[in-house]
Structure formats: structure tokens, C-alpha cells
Amino acid sequence: MYFRYHTLRYKFTDEGISMSWGILFRRQIIINYARIQDIHLRSNIVERWLGLARILVQTASGSSGAEMTLEGFKEFEAVRDFLYSKMRGVKDPAHKSAAPPAATPAQADELAAALHEVARDLRETRLALQARPEDSGHV
């Protein structure tokens, strides 16, 4: 546990998270944000007393347990929210898209003219319907 604590490293990139540890036998786990299915927070009584929590990252790998456990974070809620935002950003392409370009003055004038024409047509239709005599026998 001592060596794991001193060699444990996390790296958050634009594509995903990597976790590595070990001296003689180095282990590394890499998870892309697109693979993340769910994120849980867990802490036992000692961790709560110290203000720490573990962040369990689950993927659709088929195992019931977490694929990666991020341990020893004091700002665990901020890390969880960061992971959720990255996870949603990857899955929601509309979230990444830029705002639509603004209309040019010529396009704005054309749109205004079209709207005025539609309003005039609606007004004429309403007046024609009001001027029509009522037919009591027809529906």
C-alpha cells in the first residue's frame, strides 16, 4: 500500500483518464470519456472523517464493478462534475457545436419583408372570414 500510494498517478487529457501505479510491475488503466457509463462516489467512515472519497468510474465492459477507482481526492465532487461534463460533451455532439453565424443585414431585411408579407396575408384572410355571411345550415 505504501508503494502504491507513492507511485499512484492520474492524468486527465482531452480524450480520457489514465491511472498508473507500481515500481517493479507497473500497471496502467486508460478510459476514454466516450466509454464512461456512470460515476459513483463512495467513502467509508475514515475517509469521511478525513474529508476524502473514492470516485468509481464504470464503463460498459460487462463487469459489475468499477473499471477505475480514483482514490484520495478532497475535491471529489468537483472531479465527479468534471468527468460528467466531459462524458456528456463526448456523447452530445450538439454540445460541442458553435453558435450559428449571425445573419447579414441583407438577410435580416429579406426575413423582415417575408414576415411582413405573411402578416399581411393573415390579416386579409381574417378580414375575409369576418366579412363572410354566417351559414346556419353548414358546418
C-alpha atoms as a PDB file:
ATOM      1  CA  MET A   1       0.000   0.000   0.000  1.00  0.00           C
ATOM      2  CA  TYR A   2       2.897   2.345   0.767  1.00  0.00           C
ATOM      3  CA  PHE A   3       4.431   1.901  -2.692  1.00  0.00           C
ATOM      4  CA  ARG A   4       1.058   2.157  -4.383  1.00  0.00           C
ATOM      5  CA  TYR A   5       0.360   5.431  -2.588  1.00  0.00           C
ATOM      6  CA  HIS A   6       3.716   6.921  -3.623  1.00  0.00           C
ATOM      7  CA  THR A   7       3.554   5.744  -7.245  1.00  0.00           C
ATOM      8  CA  LEU A   8      -0.141   6.337  -7.985  1.00  0.00           C
ATOM      9  CA  ARG A   9      -0.594   8.920 -10.760  1.00  0.00           C
ATOM     10  CA  TYR A  10      -3.714  10.227 -12.517  1.00  0.00           C
ATOM     11  CA  LYS A  11      -3.719  12.049 -15.834  1.00  0.00           C
ATOM     12  CA  PHE A  12      -6.756  13.823 -17.306  1.00  0.00           C
ATOM     13  CA  THR A  13      -6.452  14.540 -21.034  1.00  0.00           C
ATOM     14  CA  ASP A  14      -8.871  15.732 -23.710  1.00  0.00           C
ATOM     15  CA  GLU A  15      -9.582  12.098 -24.668  1.00  0.00           C
ATOM     16  CA  GLY A  16      -9.804  10.376 -21.288  1.00  0.00           C
ATOM     17  CA  ILE A  17      -8.341   9.436 -17.917  1.00  0.00           C
ATOM     18  CA  SER A  18      -5.254   7.357 -17.228  1.00  0.00           C
ATOM     19  CA  MET A  19      -4.224   5.859 -13.917  1.00  0.00           C
ATOM     20  CA  SER A  20      -0.840   4.227 -13.291  1.00  0.00           C
ATOM     21  CA  TRP A  21       0.964   2.785 -10.284  1.00  0.00           C
ATOM     22  CA  GLY A  22       3.707   0.333  -9.307  1.00  0.00           C
ATOM     23  CA  ILE A  23       7.500   0.088  -9.082  1.00  0.00           C
ATOM     24  CA  LEU A  24       8.546  -3.365 -10.318  1.00  0.00           C
ATOM     25  CA  PHE A  25       5.283  -4.219 -12.043  1.00  0.00           C
ATOM     26  CA  ARG A  26       3.857  -1.024 -13.493  1.00  0.00           C
ATOM     27  CA  ARG A  27       0.105  -1.050 -14.153  1.00  0.00           C
ATOM     28  CA  GLN A  28      -1.843   1.437 -16.211  1.00  0.00           C
ATOM     29  CA  ILE A  29      -5.551   1.833 -16.939  1.00  0.00           C
ATOM     30  CA  ILE A  30      -6.812   4.225 -19.621  1.00  0.00           C
ATOM     31  CA  ILE A  31     -10.504   5.050 -20.101  1.00  0.00           C
ATOM     32  CA  ASN A  32     -11.858   7.286 -22.853  1.00  0.00           C
ATOM     33  CA  TYR A  33     -14.623   9.674 -21.811  1.00  0.00           C
ATOM     34  CA  ALA A  34     -16.872   8.157 -24.501  1.00  0.00           C
ATOM     35  CA  ARG A  35     -16.749   4.771 -22.719  1.00  0.00           C
ATOM     36  CA  ILE A  36     -17.854   6.102 -19.311  1.00  0.00           C
ATOM     37  CA  GLN A  37     -21.353   4.926 -18.392  1.00  0.00           C
ATOM     38  CA  ASP A  38     -21.693   6.040 -14.773  1.00  0.00           C
ATOM     39  CA  ILE A  39     -19.776   7.676 -11.939  1.00  0.00           C
ATOM     40  CA  HIS A  40     -20.273   6.960  -8.227  1.00  0.00           C
ATOM     41  CA  LEU A  41     -18.831   8.474  -5.053  1.00  0.00           C
ATOM     42  CA  ARG A  42     -18.029   6.189  -2.144  1.00  0.00           C
ATOM     43  CA  SER A  43     -16.395   6.812   1.227  1.00  0.00           C
ATOM     44  CA  ASN A  44     -16.102   4.812   4.417  1.00  0.00           C
ATOM     45  CA  ILE A  45     -16.139   6.331   7.889  1.00  0.00           C
ATOM     46  CA  VAL A  46     -12.379   7.017   7.973  1.00  0.00           C
ATOM     47  CA  GLU A  47     -12.481   8.661   4.541  1.00  0.00           C
ATOM     48  CA  ARG A  48     -15.440  10.819   5.596  1.00  0.00           C
ATOM     49  CA  TRP A  49     -13.580  11.836   8.766  1.00  0.00           C
ATOM     50  CA  LEU A  50     -10.595  12.893   6.613  1.00  0.00           C
ATOM     51  CA  GLY A  51     -12.843  14.596   4.022  1.00  0.00           C
ATOM     52  CA  LEU A  52     -11.883  12.127   1.288  1.00  0.00           C
ATOM     53  CA  ALA A  53     -13.840   9.964  -1.125  1.00  0.00           C
ATOM     54  CA  ARG A  54     -13.310   7.463  -3.906  1.00  0.00           C
ATOM     55  CA  ILE A  55     -14.685   8.093  -7.388  1.00  0.00           C
ATOM     56  CA  LEU A  56     -15.806   4.875  -9.076  1.00  0.00           C
ATOM     57  CA  VAL A  57     -15.883   5.096 -12.883  1.00  0.00           C
ATOM     58  CA  GLN A  58     -17.977   2.432 -14.615  1.00  0.00           C
ATOM     59  CA  THR A  59     -17.927   1.504 -18.282  1.00  0.00           C
ATOM     60  CA  ALA A  60     -19.955  -0.898 -20.401  1.00  0.00           C
ATOM     61  CA  SER A  61     -17.273  -3.557 -20.056  1.00  0.00           C
ATOM     62  CA  GLY A  62     -19.663  -6.179 -18.706  1.00  0.00           C
ATOM     63  CA  SER A  63     -18.202  -6.367 -15.201  1.00  0.00           C
ATOM     64  CA  SER A  64     -20.370  -5.360 -12.277  1.00  0.00           C
ATOM     65  CA  GLY A  65     -17.575  -3.448 -10.542  1.00  0.00           C
ATOM     66  CA  ALA A  66     -15.935  -0.173 -11.393  1.00  0.00           C
ATOM     67  CA  GLU A  67     -13.397  -0.158 -14.200  1.00  0.00           C
ATOM     68  CA  MET A  68     -11.350   2.508 -12.414  1.00  0.00           C
ATOM     69  CA  THR A  69     -11.362   3.851  -8.858  1.00  0.00           C
ATOM     70  CA  LEU A  70      -9.890   7.302  -8.295  1.00  0.00           C
ATOM     71  CA  GLU A  71      -8.779   7.419  -4.667  1.00  0.00           C
ATOM     72  CA  GLY A  72      -7.783  10.083  -2.175  1.00  0.00           C
ATOM     73  CA  PHE A  73      -9.492  13.192  -3.554  1.00  0.00           C
ATOM     74  CA  LYS A  74     -10.544  16.019  -1.262  1.00  0.00           C
ATOM     75  CA  GLU A  75     -12.327  17.814  -4.139  1.00  0.00           C
ATOM     76  CA  PHE A  76     -14.150  14.649  -5.187  1.00  0.00           C
ATOM     77  CA  GLU A  77     -17.398  16.421  -6.136  1.00  0.00           C
ATOM     78  CA  ALA A  78     -15.530  18.789  -8.468  1.00  0.00           C
ATOM     79  CA  VAL A  79     -13.758  15.843 -10.117  1.00  0.00           C
ATOM     80  CA  ARG A  80     -17.072  13.997 -10.497  1.00  0.00           C
ATOM     81  CA  ASP A  81     -18.697  17.061 -12.085  1.00  0.00           C
ATOM     82  CA  PHE A  82     -15.693  17.476 -14.407  1.00  0.00           C
ATOM     83  CA  LEU A  83     -15.988  13.846 -15.512  1.00  0.00           C
ATOM     84  CA  TYR A  84     -19.742  14.189 -16.080  1.00  0.00           C
ATOM     85  CA  SER A  85     -19.207  17.293 -18.216  1.00  0.00           C
ATOM     86  CA  LYS A  86     -16.517  15.528 -20.273  1.00  0.00           C
ATOM     87  CA  MET A  87     -18.705  12.437 -20.588  1.00  0.00           C
ATOM     88  CA  ARG A  88     -21.697  14.485 -21.800  1.00  0.00           C
ATOM     89  CA  GLY A  89     -19.528  16.558 -24.107  1.00  0.00           C
ATOM     90  CA  VAL A  90     -18.327  13.434 -25.889  1.00  0.00           C
ATOM     91  CA  LYS A  91     -21.788  11.870 -26.196  1.00  0.00           C
ATOM     92  CA  ASP A  92     -23.646  15.059 -27.187  1.00  0.00           C
ATOM     93  CA  PRO A  93     -22.215  16.441 -30.466  1.00  0.00           C
ATOM     94  CA  ALA A  94     -24.607  19.418 -30.300  1.00  0.00           C
ATOM     95  CA  HIS A  95     -22.914  20.369 -27.023  1.00  0.00           C
ATOM     96  CA  LYS A  96     -19.627  20.916 -28.871  1.00  0.00           C
ATOM     97  CA  SER A  97     -21.028  22.778 -31.885  1.00  0.00           C
ATOM     98  CA  ALA A  98     -20.541  26.505 -32.192  1.00  0.00           C
ATOM     99  CA  ALA A  99     -23.358  29.037 -32.266  1.00  0.00           C
ATOM    100  CA  PRO A 100     -24.941  29.622 -35.669  1.00  0.00           C
ATOM    101  CA  PRO A 101     -23.484  32.539 -37.617  1.00  0.00           C
ATOM    102  CA  ALA A 102     -25.271  35.874 -37.338  1.00  0.00           C
ATOM    103  CA  ALA A 103     -27.435  36.996 -40.246  1.00  0.00           C
ATOM    104  CA  THR A 104     -26.093  39.707 -42.530  1.00  0.00           C
ATOM    105  CA  PRO A 105     -28.085  42.974 -42.798  1.00  0.00           C
ATOM    106  CA  ALA A 106     -29.346  41.944 -46.252  1.00  0.00           C
ATOM    107  CA  GLN A 107     -30.601  38.597 -44.871  1.00  0.00           C
ATOM    108  CA  ALA A 108     -32.266  40.376 -41.945  1.00  0.00           C
ATOM    109  CA  ASP A 109     -34.061  42.769 -44.336  1.00  0.00           C
ATOM    110  CA  GLU A 110     -35.218  39.844 -46.511  1.00  0.00           C
ATOM    111  CA  LEU A 111     -36.523  37.984 -43.458  1.00  0.00           C
ATOM    112  CA  ALA A 112     -38.353  41.091 -42.209  1.00  0.00           C
ATOM    113  CA  ALA A 113     -40.002  41.599 -45.620  1.00  0.00           C
ATOM    114  CA  ALA A 114     -41.139  37.944 -45.699  1.00  0.00           C
ATOM    115  CA  LEU A 115     -42.605  38.233 -42.189  1.00  0.00           C
ATOM    116  CA  HIS A 116     -44.478  41.442 -43.124  1.00  0.00           C
ATOM    117  CA  GLU A 117     -45.929  39.676 -46.179  1.00  0.00           C
ATOM    118  CA  VAL A 118     -47.103  36.725 -44.079  1.00  0.00           C
ATOM    119  CA  ALA A 119     -48.674  39.093 -41.530  1.00  0.00           C
ATOM    120  CA  ARG A 120     -50.482  40.995 -44.331  1.00  0.00           C
ATOM    121  CA  ASP A 121     -51.825  37.735 -45.815  1.00  0.00           C
ATOM    122  CA  LEU A 122     -53.076  36.593 -42.407  1.00  0.00           C
ATOM    123  CA  ARG A 123     -54.768  39.943 -41.799  1.00  0.00           C
ATOM    124  CA  GLU A 124     -56.536  39.773 -45.208  1.00  0.00           C
ATOM    125  CA  THR A 125     -57.676  36.206 -44.526  1.00  0.00           C
ATOM    126  CA  ARG A 126     -59.054  37.177 -41.119  1.00  0.00           C
ATOM    127  CA  LEU A 127     -60.944  40.156 -42.594  1.00  0.00           C
ATOM    128  CA  ALA A 128     -62.356  37.975 -45.394  1.00  0.00           C
ATOM    129  CA  LEU A 129     -63.588  35.420 -42.869  1.00  0.00           C
ATOM    130  CA  GLN A 130     -65.209  38.111 -40.718  1.00  0.00           C
ATOM    131  CA  ALA A 131     -66.984  39.680 -43.738  1.00  0.00           C
ATOM    132  CA  ARG A 132     -68.446  36.349 -44.828  1.00  0.00           C
ATOM    133  CA  PRO A 133     -72.163  35.891 -44.039  1.00  0.00           C
ATOM    134  CA  GLU A 134     -72.942  33.197 -41.490  1.00  0.00           C
ATOM    135  CA  ASP A 135     -74.388  29.973 -42.863  1.00  0.00           C
ATOM    136  CA  SER A 136     -76.515  28.381 -40.186  1.00  0.00           C
ATOM    137  CA  GLY A 137     -77.072  25.118 -42.087  1.00  0.00           C
ATOM    138  CA  HIS A 138     -73.410  24.294 -42.889  1.00  0.00           C
ATOM    139  CA  VAL A 139     -70.563  23.333 -40.657  1.00  0.00           C
END
